[in-house]
């Protein structure tokens, strides 16, 4: 059974069924690349951008990650847009968000996620930008911070907890191997207990 052949015509079929727009992937892509694309894509849509512009900006952001070797070159060209609309607008006019929508705060003092944010900052500072595993730590940082942001916004589901636990396990292994200290220990540096 060829899965690519089965799904190759799905997006055009959806368009023929009067779906306004379909963003599809031409090839399998990494989870990191999918997260990069979807995070930027939905942020642009929230700002009121037309869907074609949101896809273009999201692909451009992926191209920056290709330049620094975070994702594969092929991933940049994988998302494609099928669209019925001639102007890229897929929803009735709504009041768009300001040009720079406020971001979720990187730290929320006193919440359960703040120690992880402290830990990743400490880990990156101790490794330094020239360290051979710095880019690997940056990938984990992105995954962890996205997980925390989604948990703060939409709740901490079992899936998010499992994903976070996987990232933290990898950060623990990296910190232990390179700094002889666990990531968990780095999370609580500089904090006081009452």
C-alpha atoms as a PDB file:
ATOM      1  CA  UNK A   1       0.000   0.000   0.000  1.00  0.00           C
ATOM      2  CA  UNK A   2       1.492   3.320  -1.090  1.00  0.00           C
ATOM      3  CA  UNK A   3       0.418   6.001   1.406  1.00  0.00           C
ATOM      4  CA  UNK A   4       1.783   8.845  -0.717  1.00  0.00           C
ATOM      5  CA  UNK A   5      -0.283   7.711  -3.691  1.00  0.00           C
ATOM      6  CA  UNK A   6      -3.393   7.425  -1.502  1.00  0.00           C
ATOM      7  CA  UNK A   7      -3.049  10.998  -0.210  1.00  0.00           C
ATOM      8  CA  UNK A   8      -1.619  12.622  -3.343  1.00  0.00           C
ATOM      9  CA  UNK A   9      -5.052  13.682  -4.558  1.00  0.00           C
ATOM     10  CA  UNK A  10      -6.581  14.476  -1.169  1.00  0.00           C
ATOM     11  CA  UNK A  11      -5.924  18.230  -1.135  1.00  0.00           C
ATOM     12  CA  UNK A  12      -7.351  18.799  -4.650  1.00  0.00           C
ATOM     13  CA  UNK A  13     -10.370  16.673  -3.707  1.00  0.00           C
ATOM     14  CA  UNK A  14     -10.973  18.838  -0.643  1.00  0.00           C
ATOM     15  CA  UNK A  15     -10.770  21.980  -2.781  1.00  0.00           C
ATOM     16  CA  UNK A  16     -13.288  20.489  -5.231  1.00  0.00           C
ATOM     17  CA  UNK A  17     -15.511  19.807  -2.189  1.00  0.00           C
ATOM     18  CA  UNK A  18     -15.554  23.580  -1.523  1.00  0.00           C
ATOM     19  CA  UNK A  19     -13.000  23.649   1.292  1.00  0.00           C
ATOM     20  CA  UNK A  20     -11.571  27.164   1.024  1.00  0.00           C
ATOM     21  CA  UNK A  21      -7.899  26.320   1.589  1.00  0.00           C
ATOM     22  CA  UNK A  22      -5.775  23.272   2.305  1.00  0.00           C
ATOM     23  CA  UNK A  23      -2.181  23.339   3.478  1.00  0.00           C
ATOM     24  CA  UNK A  24      -0.626  19.981   2.698  1.00  0.00           C
ATOM     25  CA  UNK A  25       2.827  18.445   2.945  1.00  0.00           C
ATOM     26  CA  UNK A  26       4.326  17.078  -0.267  1.00  0.00           C
ATOM     27  CA  UNK A  27       6.681  14.793   1.651  1.00  0.00           C
ATOM     28  CA  UNK A  28       7.091  13.579   5.219  1.00  0.00           C
ATOM     29  CA  UNK A  29       8.825  16.201   7.373  1.00  0.00           C
ATOM     30  CA  UNK A  30      10.371  16.185  10.821  1.00  0.00           C
ATOM     31  CA  UNK A  31       8.342  17.072  13.883  1.00  0.00           C
ATOM     32  CA  UNK A  32      10.564  20.100  14.441  1.00  0.00           C
ATOM     33  CA  UNK A  33       9.949  21.390  10.914  1.00  0.00           C
ATOM     34  CA  UNK A  34       6.196  20.849  11.287  1.00  0.00           C
ATOM     35  CA  UNK A  35       6.184  22.732  14.596  1.00  0.00           C
ATOM     36  CA  UNK A  36       8.183  25.605  13.107  1.00  0.00           C
ATOM     37  CA  UNK A  37       5.812  25.886  10.180  1.00  0.00           C
ATOM     38  CA  UNK A  38       2.557  25.545  12.100  1.00  0.00           C
ATOM     39  CA  UNK A  39       3.549  27.910  14.913  1.00  0.00           C
ATOM     40  CA  UNK A  40       4.345  30.741  12.498  1.00  0.00           C
ATOM     41  CA  UNK A  41       1.434  29.867  10.167  1.00  0.00           C
ATOM     42  CA  UNK A  42      -1.224  30.126  12.876  1.00  0.00           C
ATOM     43  CA  UNK A  43       0.373  33.238  14.361  1.00  0.00           C
ATOM     44  CA  UNK A  44       0.114  34.942  10.964  1.00  0.00           C
ATOM     45  CA  UNK A  45      -3.517  33.863  10.563  1.00  0.00           C
ATOM     46  CA  UNK A  46      -4.309  35.236  14.025  1.00  0.00           C
ATOM     47  CA  UNK A  47      -2.884  38.562  12.933  1.00  0.00           C
ATOM     48  CA  UNK A  48      -5.369  38.606  10.046  1.00  0.00           C
ATOM     49  CA  UNK A  49      -2.943  37.764   7.232  1.00  0.00           C
ATOM     50  CA  UNK A  50      -4.318  36.059   4.112  1.00  0.00           C
ATOM     51  CA  UNK A  51      -3.590  32.333   4.093  1.00  0.00           C
ATOM     52  CA  UNK A  52      -1.175  32.536   1.144  1.00  0.00           C
ATOM     53  CA  UNK A  53       0.872  35.196   2.953  1.00  0.00           C
ATOM     54  CA  UNK A  54       0.839  33.098   6.157  1.00  0.00           C
ATOM     55  CA  UNK A  55       2.215  30.103   4.214  1.00  0.00           C
ATOM     56  CA  UNK A  56       4.874  32.285   2.558  1.00  0.00           C
ATOM     57  CA  UNK A  57       6.051  33.787   5.867  1.00  0.00           C
ATOM     58  CA  UNK A  58       6.067  30.359   7.533  1.00  0.00           C
ATOM     59  CA  UNK A  59       8.168  28.848   4.758  1.00  0.00           C
ATOM     60  CA  UNK A  60      10.550  31.823   4.955  1.00  0.00           C
ATOM     61  CA  UNK A  61      10.980  31.206   8.705  1.00  0.00           C
ATOM     62  CA  UNK A  62      11.756  27.563   7.931  1.00  0.00           C
ATOM     63  CA  UNK A  63      14.382  28.685   5.415  1.00  0.00           C
ATOM     64  CA  UNK A  64      16.230  30.461   8.226  1.00  0.00           C
ATOM     65  CA  UNK A  65      16.422  27.151  10.086  1.00  0.00           C
ATOM     66  CA  UNK A  66      17.763  25.484   6.921  1.00  0.00           C
ATOM     67  CA  UNK A  67      20.558  28.056   6.890  1.00  0.00           C
ATOM     68  CA  UNK A  68      21.600  27.157  10.431  1.00  0.00           C
ATOM     69  CA  UNK A  69      21.165  23.396   9.764  1.00  0.00           C
ATOM     70  CA  UNK A  70      18.263  23.001  12.241  1.00  0.00           C
ATOM     71  CA  UNK A  71      16.007  21.435   9.589  1.00  0.00           C
ATOM     72  CA  UNK A  72      16.541  19.792   6.201  1.00  0.00           C
ATOM     73  CA  UNK A  73      16.530  21.775   2.956  1.00  0.00           C
ATOM     74  CA  UNK A  74      13.682  19.642   1.585  1.00  0.00           C
ATOM     75  CA  UNK A  75      11.478  20.561   4.568  1.00  0.00           C
ATOM     76  CA  UNK A  76      11.407  24.198   3.462  1.00  0.00           C
ATOM     77  CA  UNK A  77       9.634  23.350   0.199  1.00  0.00           C
ATOM     78  CA  UNK A  78       7.353  20.656   1.583  1.00  0.00           C
ATOM     79  CA  UNK A  79       4.325  22.745   2.705  1.00  0.00           C
ATOM     80  CA  UNK A  80       2.063  23.625  -0.228  1.00  0.00           C
ATOM     81  CA  UNK A  81      -1.165  25.590  -0.403  1.00  0.00           C
ATOM     82  CA  UNK A  82      -4.257  24.652  -2.377  1.00  0.00           C
ATOM     83  CA  UNK A  83      -6.796  27.450  -2.369  1.00  0.00           C
ATOM     84  CA  UNK A  84     -10.185  28.410  -3.841  1.00  0.00           C
ATOM     85  CA  UNK A  85      -9.950  32.056  -2.819  1.00  0.00           C
ATOM     86  CA  UNK A  86      -8.395  34.506  -5.271  1.00  0.00           C
ATOM     87  CA  UNK A  87      -7.290  36.952  -2.589  1.00  0.00           C
ATOM     88  CA  UNK A  88      -6.102  34.534   0.098  1.00  0.00           C
ATOM     89  CA  UNK A  89      -8.853  35.558   2.516  1.00  0.00           C
ATOM     90  CA  UNK A  90     -10.557  32.449   3.864  1.00  0.00           C
ATOM     91  CA  UNK A  91     -12.654  34.014   6.612  1.00  0.00           C
ATOM     92  CA  UNK A  92     -15.027  36.949   6.700  1.00  0.00           C
ATOM     93  CA  UNK A  93     -13.310  40.183   7.695  1.00  0.00           C
ATOM     94  CA  UNK A  94     -12.605  40.196  11.392  1.00  0.00           C
ATOM     95  CA  UNK A  95     -10.890  42.725  13.551  1.00  0.00           C
ATOM     96  CA  UNK A  96      -7.200  41.779  13.118  1.00  0.00           C
ATOM     97  CA  UNK A  97      -4.809  41.660  16.011  1.00  0.00           C
ATOM     98  CA  UNK A  98      -2.273  44.461  16.300  1.00  0.00           C
ATOM     99  CA  UNK A  99       0.750  44.119  14.002  1.00  0.00           C
ATOM    100  CA  UNK A 100       2.765  42.830  16.919  1.00  0.00           C
ATOM    101  CA  UNK A 101       0.480  40.645  18.992  1.00  0.00           C
ATOM    102  CA  UNK A 102       1.695  40.321  22.556  1.00  0.00           C
ATOM    103  CA  UNK A 103       3.664  37.180  23.108  1.00  0.00           C
ATOM    104  CA  UNK A 104       3.080  34.868  26.018  1.00  0.00           C
ATOM    105  CA  UNK A 105       5.499  35.925  28.772  1.00  0.00           C
ATOM    106  CA  UNK A 106       8.636  33.826  28.789  1.00  0.00           C
ATOM    107  CA  UNK A 107       8.380  33.475  32.527  1.00  0.00           C
ATOM    108  CA  UNK A 108       5.449  33.541  34.865  1.00  0.00           C
ATOM    109  CA  UNK A 109       6.817  33.840  38.376  1.00  0.00           C
ATOM    110  CA  UNK A 110       5.502  31.148  40.626  1.00  0.00           C
ATOM    111  CA  UNK A 111       4.068  28.799  38.015  1.00  0.00           C
ATOM    112  CA  UNK A 112       5.201  25.214  37.597  1.00  0.00           C
ATOM    113  CA  UNK A 113       7.034  25.905  34.332  1.00  0.00           C
ATOM    114  CA  UNK A 114       9.315  28.736  35.433  1.00  0.00           C
ATOM    115  CA  UNK A 115      12.063  26.404  36.717  1.00  0.00           C
ATOM    116  CA  UNK A 116      12.306  24.776  33.265  1.00  0.00           C
ATOM    117  CA  UNK A 117      12.755  28.203  31.662  1.00  0.00           C
ATOM    118  CA  UNK A 118      15.459  29.017  34.214  1.00  0.00           C
ATOM    119  CA  UNK A 119      17.120  25.671  33.575  1.00  0.00           C
ATOM    120  CA  UNK A 120      17.279  26.040  29.807  1.00  0.00           C
ATOM    121  CA  UNK A 121      18.752  29.545  30.121  1.00  0.00           C
ATOM    122  CA  UNK A 122      21.362  28.237  32.569  1.00  0.00           C
ATOM    123  CA  UNK A 123      22.193  25.249  30.353  1.00  0.00           C
ATOM    124  CA  UNK A 124      22.692  27.423  27.264  1.00  0.00           C
ATOM    125  CA  UNK A 125      24.784  29.934  29.214  1.00  0.00           C
ATOM    126  CA  UNK A 126      27.038  27.208  30.606  1.00  0.00           C
ATOM    127  CA  UNK A 127      27.457  25.489  27.254  1.00  0.00           C
ATOM    128  CA  UNK A 128      28.237  28.688  25.362  1.00  0.00           C
ATOM    129  CA  UNK A 129      27.561  29.304  21.691  1.00  0.00           C
ATOM    130  CA  UNK A 130      30.771  27.657  20.540  1.00  0.00           C
ATOM    131  CA  UNK A 131      30.015  24.314  22.204  1.00  0.00           C
ATOM    132  CA  UNK A 132      29.573  21.431  19.773  1.00  0.00           C
ATOM    133  CA  UNK A 133      26.146  20.571  21.252  1.00  0.00           C
ATOM    134  CA  UNK A 134      24.825  24.146  21.524  1.00  0.00           C
ATOM    135  CA  UNK A 135      22.572  23.814  18.452  1.00  0.00           C
ATOM    136  CA  UNK A 136      21.149  20.568  19.842  1.00  0.00           C
ATOM    137  CA  UNK A 137      20.322  22.389  23.072  1.00  0.00           C
ATOM    138  CA  UNK A 138      18.630  25.149  21.051  1.00  0.00           C
ATOM    139  CA  UNK A 139      16.359  22.580  19.410  1.00  0.00           C
ATOM    140  CA  UNK A 140      15.408  21.239  22.843  1.00  0.00           C
ATOM    141  CA  UNK A 141      14.873  24.797  24.044  1.00  0.00           C
ATOM    142  CA  UNK A 142      12.450  25.461  21.214  1.00  0.00           C
ATOM    143  CA  UNK A 143      10.530  22.247  21.859  1.00  0.00           C
ATOM    144  CA  UNK A 144      10.377  22.887  25.609  1.00  0.00           C
ATOM    145  CA  UNK A 145       9.319  26.529  25.349  1.00  0.00           C
ATOM    146  CA  UNK A 146       6.649  25.726  22.777  1.00  0.00           C
ATOM    147  CA  UNK A 147       5.328  22.981  25.051  1.00  0.00           C
ATOM    148  CA  UNK A 148       5.248  25.360  28.020  1.00  0.00           C
ATOM    149  CA  UNK A 149       3.525  28.084  26.000  1.00  0.00           C
ATOM    150  CA  UNK A 150       0.823  25.674  24.808  1.00  0.00           C
ATOM    151  CA  UNK A 151       0.382  24.330  28.340  1.00  0.00           C
ATOM    152  CA  UNK A 152      -0.043  27.838  29.715  1.00  0.00           C
ATOM    153  CA  UNK A 153      -2.495  28.818  26.998  1.00  0.00           C
ATOM    154  CA  UNK A 154      -4.580  25.666  26.646  1.00  0.00           C
ATOM    155  CA  UNK A 155      -3.864  23.517  29.697  1.00  0.00           C
ATOM    156  CA  UNK A 156      -1.344  20.855  30.540  1.00  0.00           C
ATOM    157  CA  UNK A 157      -2.686  17.722  28.841  1.00  0.00           C
ATOM    158  CA  UNK A 158      -1.264  14.217  29.260  1.00  0.00           C
ATOM    159  CA  UNK A 159       0.213  14.464  25.770  1.00  0.00           C
ATOM    160  CA  UNK A 160       2.007  17.712  26.603  1.00  0.00           C
ATOM    161  CA  UNK A 161       3.283  16.237  29.874  1.00  0.00           C
ATOM    162  CA  UNK A 162       4.665  13.215  27.998  1.00  0.00           C
ATOM    163  CA  UNK A 163       6.303  15.399  25.332  1.00  0.00           C
ATOM    164  CA  UNK A 164       7.816  17.636  28.011  1.00  0.00           C
ATOM    165  CA  UNK A 165       9.114  14.615  29.933  1.00  0.00           C
ATOM    166  CA  UNK A 166      10.844  13.360  26.772  1.00  0.00           C
ATOM    167  CA  UNK A 167      12.537  16.722  26.169  1.00  0.00           C
ATOM    168  CA  UNK A 168      13.586  17.002  29.816  1.00  0.00           C
ATOM    169  CA  UNK A 169      15.051  13.479  29.718  1.00  0.00           C
ATOM    170  CA  UNK A 170      17.142  14.483  26.691  1.00  0.00           C
ATOM    171  CA  UNK A 171      18.196  17.714  28.391  1.00  0.00           C
ATOM    172  CA  UNK A 172      19.187  15.756  31.502  1.00  0.00           C
ATOM    173  CA  UNK A 173      21.341  13.431  29.389  1.00  0.00           C
ATOM    174  CA  UNK A 174      22.951  16.337  27.526  1.00  0.00           C
ATOM    175  CA  UNK A 175      23.667  18.340  30.697  1.00  0.00           C
ATOM    176  CA  UNK A 176      25.036  15.302  32.513  1.00  0.00           C
ATOM    177  CA  UNK A 177      27.315  14.364  29.608  1.00  0.00           C
ATOM    178  CA  UNK A 178      28.627  17.869  28.935  1.00  0.00           C
ATOM    179  CA  UNK A 179      28.416  19.672  32.302  1.00  0.00           C
ATOM    180  CA  UNK A 180      28.378  16.813  34.835  1.00  0.00           C
ATOM    181  CA  UNK A 181      25.148  18.184  36.322  1.00  0.00           C
ATOM    182  CA  UNK A 182      21.538  17.298  35.539  1.00  0.00           C
ATOM    183  CA  UNK A 183      19.178  19.654  33.779  1.00  0.00           C
ATOM    184  CA  UNK A 184      16.810  19.241  36.734  1.00  0.00           C
ATOM    185  CA  UNK A 185      19.515  20.621  39.037  1.00  0.00           C
ATOM    186  CA  UNK A 186      20.057  23.596  36.694  1.00  0.00           C
ATOM    187  CA  UNK A 187      16.337  24.372  36.875  1.00  0.00           C
ATOM    188  CA  UNK A 188      16.563  25.270  40.527  1.00  0.00           C
ATOM    189  CA  UNK A 189      19.825  27.231  40.592  1.00  0.00           C
ATOM    190  CA  UNK A 190      19.287  30.658  42.069  1.00  0.00           C
ATOM    191  CA  UNK A 191      15.866  29.816  43.447  1.00  0.00           C
ATOM    192  CA  UNK A 192      15.076  29.732  47.112  1.00  0.00           C
ATOM    193  CA  UNK A 193      12.822  27.370  48.943  1.00  0.00           C
ATOM    194  CA  UNK A 194      10.527  28.598  51.634  1.00  0.00           C
END
